Amino acid sequence: MHPKAAVVWFFLAFERVLTAQIPLSSHAPLSYTGVENDLGQWDLGQAPAVNATGHLVFATANDLLQHWANTRYRVGHTIVPATIPVGTLLYHGSITGPHLPTALDWVSVDPDHSMIFCNGSIETGCWHLTLTVTRPMKVLYFDGSSSVKIPEGTMDTQDLVAWSEMKPEWMENEEQRITDLCKWGQKYGLNGFVRFVRFWDVEVMICDFTSHMEVVSFLNLESTRFKHSPPTDLPEDPTTVYQIFELAHSASSREIYPGETRIMLDFSGLVSFYDTTLVPSLVPHRAGLERWDHRIRGISSEDIERVQERLAQVLTRPSVTTSGIDWKTVLRVVVDRYASRLEMMQYLLNMTLDNRSIFNHAQQVQRRLHTVLLPYTLFAVIPPNTSITANTTNPWAAPVFRECATSHTTSTVAHGATLTPSEHLLLQAVRETTHEICRVTTKMWASGLIVGVDPFYPPEERPEADHIHTLMGEWKEDITRLISWLDWSVWVKCRPACGIEEMCYLPAWPFGFPSSKDDGPPRNSASLWPDPNNGEWKRPQPKCIRRLEPYGF
């Protein structure tokens, strides 16, 4: 063995002795299922099935109540029971007052949003109602941009709940929608429904203003003087424009994790239209489509009935029947562990390198792969040799792949008997997601070690530059495919970061969108937006816009 390699091996062995931990108990080691214990099942060359949806369940569940992701993918695929806790303040703006709404109506969690509707005359002002929740409010949350009135399917899941079918011709019929949703929810004790539209904020459709809330204040305020114009046009009035941009800035504080924290989601009752067992009829309708184009349209009547039955189950079951697992944290731990490291590796692999620097550069990537996999690299796992002619599937690395892929879920599997169907879905989503992350990173690490760029296992001779270039090319393809497949919203950001007078923005309804009654380009906005047929409003990409005058998109 090369002297330098011997030193490294000795250091690693000594370090592991020093850091050996005393077992917490005398229990036997965690066991694997029959499939997990068969190392032949951990094939580094086996990519996920084309129609797999575990990563989509994972991504949508991790992004719930976060504005950024639900602006990017406007068509929601998830319905979740939730609670608005005691002490939460809710706001309602109106022209007249001071009296509670006698009909079904909407409230906001943010006064900047509700003030848009506090729009009386200059002579009389307007009325702004502040309410506080006195008993936990049972609500149902629709993800995506579920308040957006466009014909691309943003209200599909609400239609299925209210009417058991999609009614695009009723897209603008909000009064009928809230009436029928509240009528449907009455038998389940629902107090309201939570929706989101990026440019405004989270809104709650309230079924009864006299229940679970009490008045904090009902103030006669100066009118906002908000001048309403066609919804898809940016107003010309400077005061109105200022209020719109300030509202966008206010809502931006909830763009990313943890998102809107005043709505407490019950992940154990999550219903996903990416659940292929619950909704198999949508699988062929998604075939070959990008996620932007996924719709609920095409769902079978049998699947609609199953969704309705599942919702009835989750809304009527006792809370004691759940496992108690904090799924929001389980999902986030995976994202926190891998997101920035994968992003850094992609950054390094996108650099253009010459033969003189490529070896050191490859070692930088390999070190990061080593760090990701170190908690799962069993001491007994030793590569057969350091020759580039070694088996490209590197079966010797299968134990590392297995330990990495099961690390976040092995203990949860033990709760199997207490998991709800929704929790089983989330467990499978975590398993499929971590399986692919660990497959790709283990594959990259093993190939780097065999080629000879791993600083912990240095070869006797430095590998040839051609071999390293080939390796880096393969790595780049691997990491690009993985990040594209995961499609986490944490990677969607303005690059470079925006300045102090700017904020990062995703194109959001209503401004710049074609009118729901006119499929042509938006009116009077040529200077603000490119032609929407070029795709910016369909495939929104982040960009910096000004927070100070002069405003513009």
Protein backbone atom coordinates (compact mmCIF):
# COMPACT_ATOMS: atom_id res chain seq x y z
CA MET A 1 0.00 0.00 0.00
CA HIS A 2 1.17 3.48 -0.79
CA PRO A 3 2.60 5.17 2.38
CA LYS A 4 0.16 8.08 2.12
CA ALA A 5 -2.77 5.69 1.74
CA ALA A 6 -1.61 3.73 4.78
CA VAL A 7 -1.54 6.91 6.86
CA VAL A 8 -5.08 7.79 5.77
CA TRP A 9 -6.36 4.28 6.56
CA PHE A 10 -4.71 4.37 9.99
CA PHE A 11 -6.16 7.82 10.75
CA LEU A 12 -9.68 6.74 9.78
CA ALA A 13 -9.45 3.57 11.84
CA PHE A 14 -8.10 5.41 14.89
CA GLU A 15 -10.75 8.11 14.55
CA ARG A 16 -13.52 5.54 14.50
CA VAL A 17 -12.17 3.91 17.65
CA LEU A 18 -12.08 7.26 19.46
CA THR A 19 -15.59 8.19 18.37
CA ALA A 20 -17.17 4.80 19.00
CA GLN A 21 -20.40 5.28 20.91
CA ILE A 22 -21.74 3.17 23.73
CA PRO A 23 -25.11 1.64 22.73
CA LEU A 24 -28.12 3.25 24.39
CA SER A 25 -29.47 -0.20 25.24
CA SER A 26 -28.77 -3.85 24.75
CA HIS A 27 -31.39 -4.13 22.03
CA ALA A 28 -30.41 -5.93 18.85
CA PRO A 29 -29.45 -3.82 15.83
CA LEU A 30 -32.24 -2.54 13.65
CA SER A 31 -33.39 -5.24 11.24
CA TYR A 32 -34.27 -4.76 7.61
CA THR A 33 -37.16 -6.15 5.63
CA GLY A 34 -36.44 -9.07 3.34
CA VAL A 35 -36.05 -6.77 0.37
CA GLU A 36 -33.87 -4.27 2.22
CA ASN A 37 -31.58 -7.03 3.50
CA ASP A 38 -31.00 -8.36 -0.02
CA LEU A 39 -28.11 -6.29 -1.32
CA GLY A 40 -29.03 -7.39 -4.83
CA GLN A 41 -32.01 -5.08 -4.57
CA TRP A 42 -29.74 -2.04 -4.12
CA ASP A 43 -28.69 -1.57 -7.72
CA LEU A 44 -26.88 1.72 -8.35
CA GLY A 45 -27.89 1.58 -11.99
CA GLN A 46 -31.63 1.25 -11.41
CA ALA A 47 -33.34 4.63 -11.93
CA PRO A 48 -36.90 5.33 -10.70
CA ALA A 49 -39.87 4.30 -12.82
CA VAL A 50 -41.00 6.94 -15.30
CA ASN A 51 -44.46 7.18 -13.71
CA ALA A 52 -43.21 7.22 -10.10
CA THR A 53 -44.87 9.90 -7.97
CA GLY A 54 -43.25 9.52 -4.55
CA HIS A 55 -41.00 12.51 -5.20
CA LEU A 56 -44.05 14.57 -6.24
CA VAL A 57 -45.92 13.66 -3.06
CA PHE A 58 -42.77 14.59 -1.12
CA ALA A 59 -42.30 17.95 -2.88
CA THR A 60 -45.94 19.04 -2.63
CA ALA A 61 -46.22 18.01 1.02
CA ASN A 62 -42.98 19.80 1.91
CA ASP A 63 -44.22 22.96 0.15
CA LEU A 64 -47.66 23.24 1.73
CA LEU A 65 -48.64 26.80 2.77
CA GLN A 66 -45.46 28.23 1.23
CA HIS A 67 -46.16 30.96 -1.30
CA TRP A 68 -43.16 30.42 -3.55
CA ALA A 69 -43.87 26.81 -4.51
CA ASN A 70 -47.63 27.27 -4.79
CA THR A 71 -47.11 30.22 -7.13
CA ARG A 72 -44.76 28.21 -9.30
CA TYR A 73 -47.11 25.22 -9.55
CA ARG A 74 -50.55 26.79 -9.46
CA VAL A 75 -52.68 23.69 -9.98
CA GLY A 76 -53.03 22.10 -6.55
CA HIS A 77 -52.86 18.35 -6.01
CA THR A 78 -53.26 18.16 -2.23
CA ILE A 79 -56.11 18.60 0.24
CA VAL A 80 -55.24 18.69 3.95
CA PRO A 81 -57.35 19.07 7.10
CA ALA A 82 -56.05 21.85 9.33
CA THR A 83 -56.73 23.89 12.44
CA ILE A 84 -56.60 27.62 13.05
CA PRO A 85 -55.50 27.89 16.69
CA VAL A 86 -57.02 29.97 19.46
CA GLY A 87 -55.73 33.53 19.52
CA THR A 88 -55.17 33.81 15.77
CA LEU A 89 -56.22 37.18 14.39
CA LEU A 90 -58.31 37.30 11.22
CA TYR A 91 -59.21 40.39 9.19
CA HIS A 92 -62.09 41.50 6.97
CA GLY A 93 -62.40 44.74 5.03
CA SER A 94 -65.74 46.13 3.89
CA ILE A 95 -67.42 49.29 2.61
CA THR A 96 -70.10 49.39 5.30
CA GLY A 97 -70.25 48.60 9.01
CA PRO A 98 -70.10 48.07 11.88
CA HIS A 99 -71.89 44.75 11.62
CA LEU A 100 -70.70 41.18 11.11
CA PRO A 101 -71.21 39.69 7.66
CA THR A 102 -74.54 37.88 7.61
CA ALA A 103 -73.60 35.80 4.56
CA LEU A 104 -70.70 33.46 3.95
CA ASP A 105 -67.60 35.54 3.35
CA TRP A 106 -63.82 35.68 3.29
CA VAL A 107 -61.21 36.77 5.83
CA SER A 108 -57.45 37.17 5.60
CA VAL A 109 -54.66 36.34 8.00
CA ASP A 110 -52.93 39.60 7.09
CA PRO A 111 -54.39 43.12 7.49
CA ASP A 112 -52.43 44.33 4.44
CA HIS A 113 -54.54 41.93 2.39
CA SER A 114 -57.93 42.72 3.95
CA MET A 115 -57.33 46.47 3.64
CA ILE A 116 -57.54 46.09 -0.14
CA PHE A 117 -61.28 45.48 0.38
CA CYS A 118 -61.64 48.39 2.84
CA ASN A 119 -62.58 50.62 -0.03
CA GLY A 120 -65.38 53.03 0.85
CA SER A 121 -65.84 56.57 -0.34
CA ILE A 122 -63.56 59.44 0.65
CA GLU A 123 -66.50 61.04 2.53
CA THR A 124 -67.46 58.00 4.65
CA GLY A 125 -64.28 55.94 4.83
CA CYS A 126 -64.42 52.17 5.15
CA TRP A 127 -64.81 49.51 7.85
CA HIS A 128 -62.15 47.08 8.95
CA LEU A 129 -63.03 44.11 11.14
CA THR A 130 -60.50 42.29 13.33
CA LEU A 131 -61.52 38.94 14.78
CA THR A 132 -59.81 36.54 17.15
CA VAL A 133 -60.29 32.79 17.19
CA THR A 134 -61.80 31.65 20.51
CA ARG A 135 -61.98 27.92 19.81
CA PRO A 136 -59.81 25.88 17.43
CA MET A 137 -61.31 26.25 13.97
CA LYS A 138 -61.51 23.11 11.86
CA VAL A 139 -60.71 23.96 8.24
CA LEU A 140 -59.71 22.28 4.99
CA TYR A 141 -56.74 23.53 2.97
CA PHE A 142 -56.44 23.36 -0.83
CA ASP A 143 -52.85 23.73 -2.04
CA GLY A 144 -51.68 25.47 -5.20
CA SER A 145 -52.87 28.95 -6.14
CA SER A 146 -56.36 27.90 -5.18
CA SER A 147 -57.90 31.40 -5.23
CA VAL A 148 -56.69 32.13 -8.74
CA LYS A 149 -59.50 32.42 -11.25
CA ILE A 150 -57.94 31.08 -14.43
CA PRO A 151 -59.15 28.18 -16.59
CA GLU A 152 -55.95 26.15 -16.19
CA GLY A 153 -57.31 24.09 -13.28
CA THR A 154 -56.49 26.03 -10.12
CA MET A 155 -59.95 25.32 -8.69
CA ASP A 156 -60.27 21.69 -9.78
CA THR A 157 -59.87 20.17 -6.31
CA GLN A 158 -62.43 22.56 -4.82
CA ASP A 159 -64.89 21.68 -7.57
CA LEU A 160 -64.52 17.98 -6.83
CA VAL A 161 -65.22 18.54 -3.14
CA ALA A 162 -68.16 20.92 -3.66
CA TRP A 163 -69.79 19.35 -6.70
CA SER A 164 -68.10 15.96 -7.26
CA GLU A 165 -67.12 17.18 -10.72
CA MET A 166 -65.15 19.99 -12.27
CA LYS A 167 -67.20 22.95 -13.46
CA PRO A 168 -64.89 25.34 -15.33
CA GLU A 169 -67.92 27.34 -16.46
CA TRP A 170 -68.47 28.23 -12.77
CA MET A 171 -64.93 29.48 -12.27
CA GLU A 172 -66.12 33.00 -11.42
CA ASN A 173 -69.08 31.81 -9.33
CA GLU A 174 -67.44 32.24 -5.94
CA GLU A 175 -70.72 32.74 -4.05
CA GLN A 176 -72.00 29.34 -5.20
CA ARG A 177 -68.64 27.74 -4.49
CA ILE A 178 -68.42 28.92 -0.88
CA THR A 179 -72.10 28.06 -0.30
CA ASP A 180 -71.72 24.49 -1.53
CA LEU A 181 -68.35 23.93 0.15
CA CYS A 182 -69.79 25.05 3.50
CA LYS A 183 -72.87 22.90 2.96
CA TRP A 184 -70.63 19.89 2.22
CA GLY A 185 -68.39 20.63 5.22
CA GLN A 186 -71.25 21.07 7.69
CA LYS A 187 -71.57 17.32 8.29
CA TYR A 188 -67.86 17.18 9.19
CA GLY A 189 -67.92 20.19 11.51
CA LEU A 190 -65.79 22.33 9.20
CA ASN A 191 -65.69 26.04 9.99
CA GLY A 192 -64.06 27.13 6.77
CA PHE A 193 -61.70 26.50 3.87
CA VAL A 194 -58.18 27.85 3.33
CA ARG A 195 -56.95 29.00 -0.06
CA PHE A 196 -53.98 30.90 -1.38
CA VAL A 197 -53.23 33.39 -4.09
CA ARG A 198 -49.62 34.53 -4.37
CA PHE A 199 -50.05 38.23 -4.94
CA TRP A 200 -52.42 38.66 -2.01
CA ASP A 201 -52.01 36.10 0.75
CA VAL A 202 -53.75 33.23 2.47
CA GLU A 203 -57.51 33.66 2.72
CA VAL A 204 -60.10 31.73 4.73
CA MET A 205 -63.61 31.10 3.49
CA ILE A 206 -65.70 31.45 6.68
CA CYS A 207 -68.92 29.44 6.96
CA ASP A 208 -70.25 31.17 10.09
CA PHE A 209 -68.96 34.47 11.51
CA THR A 210 -70.82 33.90 14.79
CA SER A 211 -68.97 30.66 15.61
CA HIS A 212 -65.45 30.12 17.00
CA MET A 213 -64.58 33.84 16.75
CA GLU A 214 -65.22 37.11 18.52
CA VAL A 215 -64.75 40.73 17.53
CA VAL A 216 -61.56 42.51 18.60
CA SER A 217 -62.34 45.75 16.78
CA PHE A 218 -64.49 47.13 14.01
CA LEU A 219 -62.94 50.41 12.95
CA ASN A 220 -64.09 53.12 10.61
CA LEU A 221 -60.89 53.88 8.71
CA GLU A 222 -59.72 56.15 5.97
CA SER A 223 -60.50 54.45 2.68
CA THR A 224 -57.58 52.86 0.88
CA ARG A 225 -58.67 54.66 -2.30
CA PHE A 226 -57.81 51.46 -4.12
CA LYS A 227 -58.94 51.95 -7.70
CA HIS A 228 -60.17 48.72 -9.23
CA SER A 229 -59.25 48.15 -12.86
CA PRO A 230 -59.42 45.08 -15.10
CA PRO A 231 -57.85 42.39 -12.90
CA THR A 232 -55.13 41.46 -15.37
CA ASP A 233 -53.86 45.02 -15.82
CA LEU A 234 -51.49 46.87 -13.53
CA PRO A 235 -53.40 49.92 -12.23
CA GLU A 236 -52.33 53.33 -13.46
CA ASP A 237 -53.06 55.12 -10.16
CA PRO A 238 -49.71 55.54 -8.31
CA THR A 239 -51.28 55.04 -4.85
CA THR A 240 -52.90 51.79 -5.91
CA VAL A 241 -49.67 50.57 -7.50
CA TYR A 242 -47.78 51.34 -4.28
CA GLN A 243 -50.30 49.36 -2.20
CA ILE A 244 -50.07 46.40 -4.54
CA PHE A 245 -46.29 46.22 -4.34
CA GLU A 246 -46.31 46.63 -0.56
CA LEU A 247 -48.84 43.80 -0.30
CA ALA A 248 -46.59 41.63 -2.44
CA HIS A 249 -43.69 42.45 -0.14
CA SER A 250 -45.78 41.64 2.95
CA ALA A 251 -46.73 38.25 1.54
CA SER A 252 -43.11 37.53 0.57
CA SER A 253 -42.25 36.83 4.21
CA ARG A 254 -44.10 33.53 3.84
CA GLU A 255 -42.68 32.55 0.47
CA ILE A 256 -40.45 29.77 1.74
CA TYR A 257 -40.26 27.41 4.71
CA PRO A 258 -41.89 27.48 7.23
CA GLY A 259 -44.51 29.37 5.20
CA GLU A 260 -47.84 30.36 6.75
CA THR A 261 -47.57 29.23 10.39
CA ARG A 262 -51.01 30.36 11.53
CA ILE A 263 -52.63 27.37 9.83
CA MET A 264 -51.78 24.07 11.57
CA LEU A 265 -51.86 21.24 9.03
CA ASP A 266 -52.75 17.66 9.93
CA PHE A 267 -50.42 15.64 7.72
CA SER A 268 -51.94 12.40 8.99
CA GLY A 269 -55.05 13.27 6.96
CA LEU A 270 -53.33 14.49 3.80
CA VAL A 271 -55.06 13.52 0.55
CA SER A 272 -52.91 13.66 -2.60
CA PHE A 273 -53.94 13.34 -6.22
CA TYR A 274 -50.42 12.02 -6.81
CA ASP A 275 -51.40 8.97 -4.75
CA THR A 276 -51.53 6.35 -7.50
CA THR A 277 -53.37 3.89 -5.29
CA LEU A 278 -56.11 6.38 -4.47
CA VAL A 279 -56.25 8.07 -7.89
CA PRO A 280 -54.87 5.63 -10.50
CA SER A 281 -56.86 7.17 -13.36
CA LEU A 282 -54.58 10.24 -13.51
CA VAL A 283 -51.42 8.22 -14.18
CA PRO A 284 -51.86 8.00 -17.98
CA HIS A 285 -52.94 11.65 -18.16
CA ARG A 286 -49.57 12.74 -16.71
CA ALA A 287 -47.51 10.52 -19.01
CA GLY A 288 -44.93 12.55 -20.88
CA LEU A 289 -46.00 15.86 -19.31
CA GLU A 290 -43.89 18.25 -17.29
CA ARG A 291 -45.11 19.01 -13.79
CA TRP A 292 -46.30 22.46 -14.93
CA ASP A 293 -48.94 20.72 -17.05
CA HIS A 294 -50.27 18.24 -14.48
CA ARG A 295 -54.02 18.58 -14.02
CA ILE A 296 -56.82 16.89 -12.11
CA ARG A 297 -58.82 16.88 -15.32
CA GLY A 298 -59.28 13.32 -16.56
CA ILE A 299 -59.94 11.79 -13.15
CA SER A 300 -62.47 8.95 -13.26
CA SER A 301 -65.78 8.97 -11.40
CA GLU A 302 -64.58 5.98 -9.38
CA ASP A 303 -61.51 7.90 -8.23
CA ILE A 304 -63.61 10.94 -7.35
CA GLU A 305 -65.73 8.70 -5.16
CA ARG A 306 -62.61 7.26 -3.50
CA VAL A 307 -61.29 10.75 -2.78
CA GLN A 308 -64.63 11.73 -1.23
CA GLU A 309 -64.58 8.60 0.92
CA ARG A 310 -61.00 9.27 2.04
CA LEU A 311 -61.88 12.85 2.98
CA ALA A 312 -64.87 11.59 4.99
CA GLN A 313 -62.58 9.18 6.85
CA VAL A 314 -59.92 11.76 7.73
CA LEU A 315 -62.48 14.37 8.80
CA THR A 316 -64.37 12.02 11.13
CA ARG A 317 -61.66 9.86 12.69
CA PRO A 318 -60.53 10.48 16.30
CA SER A 319 -57.14 12.20 16.62
CA VAL A 320 -55.84 9.40 18.86
CA THR A 321 -55.69 7.07 15.85
CA THR A 322 -52.63 8.83 14.40
CA SER A 323 -48.99 7.94 15.03
CA GLY A 324 -47.97 11.36 16.37
CA ILE A 325 -45.10 11.64 13.89
CA ASP A 326 -44.21 15.22 12.94
CA TRP A 327 -44.25 14.74 9.18
CA LYS A 328 -43.54 18.37 8.41
CA THR A 329 -40.21 18.03 10.21
CA VAL A 330 -39.48 14.60 8.73
CA LEU A 331 -39.76 16.04 5.24
CA ARG A 332 -37.80 19.16 6.08
CA VAL A 333 -34.92 17.25 7.64
CA VAL A 334 -34.34 15.49 4.31
CA VAL A 335 -34.38 18.79 2.41
CA ASP A 336 -32.08 20.48 4.91
CA ARG A 337 -29.59 17.62 4.79
CA TYR A 338 -29.23 17.41 1.03
CA ALA A 339 -30.43 20.59 -0.72
CA SER A 340 -27.44 22.92 -0.29
CA ARG A 341 -24.89 20.13 -0.80
CA LEU A 342 -26.46 18.98 -4.05
CA GLU A 343 -26.67 22.59 -5.19
CA MET A 344 -22.97 23.14 -4.45
CA MET A 345 -22.02 20.00 -6.34
CA GLN A 346 -24.03 21.13 -9.34
CA TYR A 347 -22.30 24.52 -9.18
CA LEU A 348 -18.85 22.90 -9.12
CA LEU A 349 -19.70 20.56 -11.98
CA ASN A 350 -20.93 23.39 -14.20
CA MET A 351 -17.50 25.04 -14.22
CA THR A 352 -15.29 24.86 -17.30
CA LEU A 353 -11.92 23.33 -16.34
CA ASP A 354 -8.57 22.65 -17.98
CA ASN A 355 -6.35 19.62 -17.46
CA ARG A 356 -4.23 21.38 -14.83
CA SER A 357 -7.09 22.10 -12.42
CA ILE A 358 -9.51 19.27 -13.06
CA PHE A 359 -7.98 16.79 -10.58
CA ASN A 360 -8.21 19.18 -7.62
CA HIS A 361 -11.69 20.18 -8.73
CA ALA A 362 -12.84 16.57 -8.89
CA GLN A 363 -11.47 16.07 -5.38
CA GLN A 364 -13.65 18.97 -4.16
CA VAL A 365 -16.75 17.24 -5.47
CA GLN A 366 -15.62 13.88 -4.11
CA ARG A 367 -15.08 15.37 -0.63
CA ARG A 368 -18.68 16.59 -0.61
CA LEU A 369 -19.94 13.21 -1.70
CA HIS A 370 -17.84 11.66 1.04
CA THR A 371 -19.38 14.04 3.61
CA VAL A 372 -22.93 13.20 2.51
CA LEU A 373 -22.30 9.47 2.80
CA LEU A 374 -19.94 9.36 5.80
CA PRO A 375 -22.69 8.49 8.34
CA TYR A 376 -23.55 5.45 6.21
CA THR A 377 -20.10 4.28 5.05
CA LEU A 378 -19.67 0.99 6.89
CA PHE A 379 -16.13 0.23 7.99
CA ALA A 380 -16.23 -3.13 6.23
CA VAL A 381 -17.12 -1.59 2.88
CA ILE A 382 -13.82 -1.55 0.97
CA PRO A 383 -13.60 -1.17 -2.79
CA PRO A 384 -12.15 -4.23 -4.54
CA ASN A 385 -9.38 -2.17 -6.11
CA THR A 386 -8.61 1.30 -7.37
CA SER A 387 -8.54 0.44 -11.03
CA ILE A 388 -10.71 2.31 -13.52
CA THR A 389 -11.55 -1.06 -15.04
CA ALA A 390 -13.56 -2.05 -11.96
CA ASN A 391 -17.23 -2.98 -12.42
CA THR A 392 -19.03 0.27 -13.25
CA THR A 393 -22.06 -0.76 -11.16
CA ASN A 394 -19.78 -1.00 -8.11
CA PRO A 395 -21.86 -3.59 -6.20
CA TRP A 396 -19.46 -3.36 -3.28
CA ALA A 397 -21.06 0.04 -2.47
CA ALA A 398 -24.56 -1.43 -2.09
CA PRO A 399 -24.41 -1.46 1.76
CA VAL A 400 -23.63 2.28 1.75
CA PHE A 401 -26.56 2.89 -0.60
CA ARG A 402 -28.86 0.86 1.64
CA GLU A 403 -27.80 2.51 4.90
CA CYS A 404 -28.20 5.97 3.38
CA ALA A 405 -31.58 5.25 1.77
CA THR A 406 -33.13 3.70 4.88
CA SER A 407 -31.67 6.08 7.47
CA HIS A 408 -34.70 8.40 7.55
CA THR A 409 -37.39 5.72 7.48
CA THR A 410 -36.25 2.54 9.26
CA SER A 411 -37.53 3.67 12.67
CA THR A 412 -40.79 4.93 11.17
CA VAL A 413 -41.50 1.54 9.61
CA ALA A 414 -41.79 0.22 13.16
CA HIS A 415 -44.88 2.43 13.59
CA GLY A 416 -46.57 0.66 10.69
CA ALA A 417 -49.57 -0.56 12.67
CA THR A 418 -50.44 2.98 13.84
CA LEU A 419 -49.90 4.84 10.57
CA THR A 420 -52.93 6.21 8.75
CA PRO A 421 -53.23 5.71 4.96
CA SER A 422 -51.98 9.29 4.54
CA GLU A 423 -48.95 8.56 6.72
CA HIS A 424 -48.17 5.41 4.75
CA LEU A 425 -48.22 7.58 1.62
CA LEU A 426 -45.84 10.10 3.20
CA LEU A 427 -43.55 7.32 4.42
CA GLN A 428 -43.38 5.87 0.93
CA ALA A 429 -42.72 9.36 -0.48
CA VAL A 430 -39.75 9.83 1.88
CA ARG A 431 -38.46 6.34 1.04
CA GLU A 432 -38.64 6.89 -2.72
CA THR A 433 -37.06 10.33 -2.47
CA THR A 434 -34.16 9.34 -0.24
CA HIS A 435 -33.67 6.15 -2.24
CA GLU A 436 -32.94 8.15 -5.39
CA ILE A 437 -30.80 10.75 -3.61
CA CYS A 438 -28.70 8.00 -2.06
CA ARG A 439 -28.54 5.94 -5.24
CA VAL A 440 -27.13 8.83 -7.24
CA THR A 441 -24.72 10.13 -4.58
CA THR A 442 -23.44 6.62 -3.79
CA LYS A 443 -22.97 5.93 -7.50
CA MET A 444 -21.02 9.16 -7.92
CA TRP A 445 -18.91 8.57 -4.80
CA ALA A 446 -18.07 5.00 -5.76
CA SER A 447 -17.08 5.92 -9.30
CA GLY A 448 -14.91 8.75 -7.99
CA LEU A 449 -13.18 6.41 -5.60
CA ILE A 450 -12.52 3.83 -8.30
CA VAL A 451 -11.19 6.42 -10.76
CA GLY A 452 -8.85 7.68 -8.05
CA VAL A 453 -10.01 11.19 -7.09
CA ASP A 454 -10.98 10.42 -3.49
CA PRO A 455 -8.50 12.15 -1.15
CA PHE A 456 -9.27 9.61 1.59
CA TYR A 457 -8.30 6.68 -0.67
CA PRO A 458 -5.56 8.14 -2.91
CA PRO A 459 -4.24 5.94 -5.76
CA GLU A 460 -0.59 5.20 -6.27
CA GLU A 461 -0.64 7.29 -9.44
CA ARG A 462 -2.79 10.29 -10.30
CA PRO A 463 -5.46 9.33 -12.87
CA GLU A 464 -5.17 10.64 -16.39
CA ALA A 465 -6.98 13.88 -17.20
CA ASP A 466 -9.12 12.17 -19.86
CA HIS A 467 -10.48 9.75 -17.27
CA ILE A 468 -11.29 12.61 -14.89
CA HIS A 469 -13.02 14.59 -17.64
CA THR A 470 -15.16 11.55 -18.42
CA LEU A 471 -15.96 11.11 -14.73
CA MET A 472 -16.90 14.78 -14.33
CA GLY A 473 -19.16 14.58 -17.37
CA GLU A 474 -20.97 11.58 -15.90
CA TRP A 475 -21.26 13.31 -12.54
CA LYS A 476 -22.74 16.40 -14.17
CA GLU A 477 -25.40 14.33 -15.91
CA ASP A 478 -26.19 12.48 -12.67
CA ILE A 479 -26.56 15.59 -10.50
CA THR A 480 -28.55 17.48 -13.15
CA ARG A 481 -31.03 14.63 -13.52
CA LEU A 482 -31.35 14.25 -9.76
CA ILE A 483 -32.01 17.93 -9.07
CA SER A 484 -34.48 18.09 -11.95
CA TRP A 485 -36.28 14.98 -10.65
CA LEU A 486 -36.47 16.26 -7.07
CA ASP A 487 -37.57 19.73 -8.24
CA TRP A 488 -37.41 21.29 -4.76
CA SER A 489 -38.59 24.88 -4.50
CA VAL A 490 -35.62 25.73 -2.27
CA TRP A 491 -33.53 25.87 -5.45
CA VAL A 492 -35.83 28.38 -7.14
CA LYS A 493 -34.29 31.76 -6.40
CA CYS A 494 -33.07 34.94 -8.03
CA ARG A 495 -29.50 34.56 -9.24
CA PRO A 496 -27.72 36.80 -8.43
CA ALA A 497 -29.59 37.77 -5.28
CA CYS A 498 -31.68 40.94 -5.41
CA GLY A 499 -30.44 44.25 -4.04
CA ILE A 500 -31.85 46.14 -1.04
CA GLU A 501 -34.24 48.11 -3.29
CA GLU A 502 -35.53 44.94 -4.93
CA MET A 503 -37.38 41.75 -4.08
CA CYS A 504 -37.37 38.38 -5.79
CA TYR A 505 -40.62 37.77 -7.62
CA LEU A 506 -42.38 34.98 -9.51
CA PRO A 507 -44.92 36.02 -12.15
CA ALA A 508 -48.24 35.75 -10.34
CA TRP A 509 -51.90 36.19 -11.14
CA PRO A 510 -53.57 38.53 -11.82
CA PHE A 511 -51.13 40.98 -13.37
CA GLY A 512 -49.88 40.09 -16.81
CA PHE A 513 -52.25 37.15 -17.22
CA PRO A 514 -54.66 36.75 -20.09
CA SER A 515 -58.18 37.60 -18.96
CA SER A 516 -60.32 34.59 -18.06
CA LYS A 517 -62.75 35.84 -20.69
CA ASP A 518 -60.09 36.50 -23.30
CA ASP A 519 -57.28 34.17 -24.24
CA GLY A 520 -55.35 36.97 -25.91
CA PRO A 521 -52.45 38.93 -24.43
CA PRO A 522 -53.14 41.17 -21.42
CA ARG A 523 -54.23 44.69 -22.20
CA ASN A 524 -52.01 47.76 -21.78
CA SER A 525 -49.08 45.73 -20.47
CA ALA A 526 -46.71 45.44 -23.41
CA SER A 527 -44.11 47.52 -21.60
CA LEU A 528 -44.36 45.40 -18.46
CA TRP A 529 -44.59 41.83 -19.71
CA PRO A 530 -43.41 39.78 -22.66
CA ASP A 531 -46.01 38.07 -24.79
CA PRO A 532 -47.63 35.46 -22.47
CA ASN A 533 -47.55 32.97 -25.32
CA ASN A 534 -43.79 32.85 -24.76
CA GLY A 535 -44.51 31.08 -21.52
CA GLU A 536 -43.47 33.35 -18.65
CA TRP A 537 -46.87 33.24 -16.99
CA LYS A 538 -47.21 29.50 -17.63
CA ARG A 539 -43.66 28.62 -16.55
CA PRO A 540 -42.89 31.35 -13.98
CA GLN A 541 -39.22 32.02 -13.34
CA PRO A 542 -37.86 34.19 -10.51
CA LYS A 543 -36.61 37.67 -11.22
CA CYS A 544 -35.81 40.81 -9.27
CA ILE A 545 -38.36 43.63 -9.31
CA ARG A 546 -38.18 47.01 -7.64
CA ARG A 547 -39.58 47.69 -4.15
CA LEU A 548 -39.30 51.44 -4.71
CA GLU A 549 -40.66 53.70 -7.41
CA PRO A 550 -40.58 53.43 -10.35
CA TYR A 551 -42.32 50.07 -10.11
CA GLY A 552 -42.50 47.48 -12.84
CA PHE A 553 -42.37 43.78 -13.57
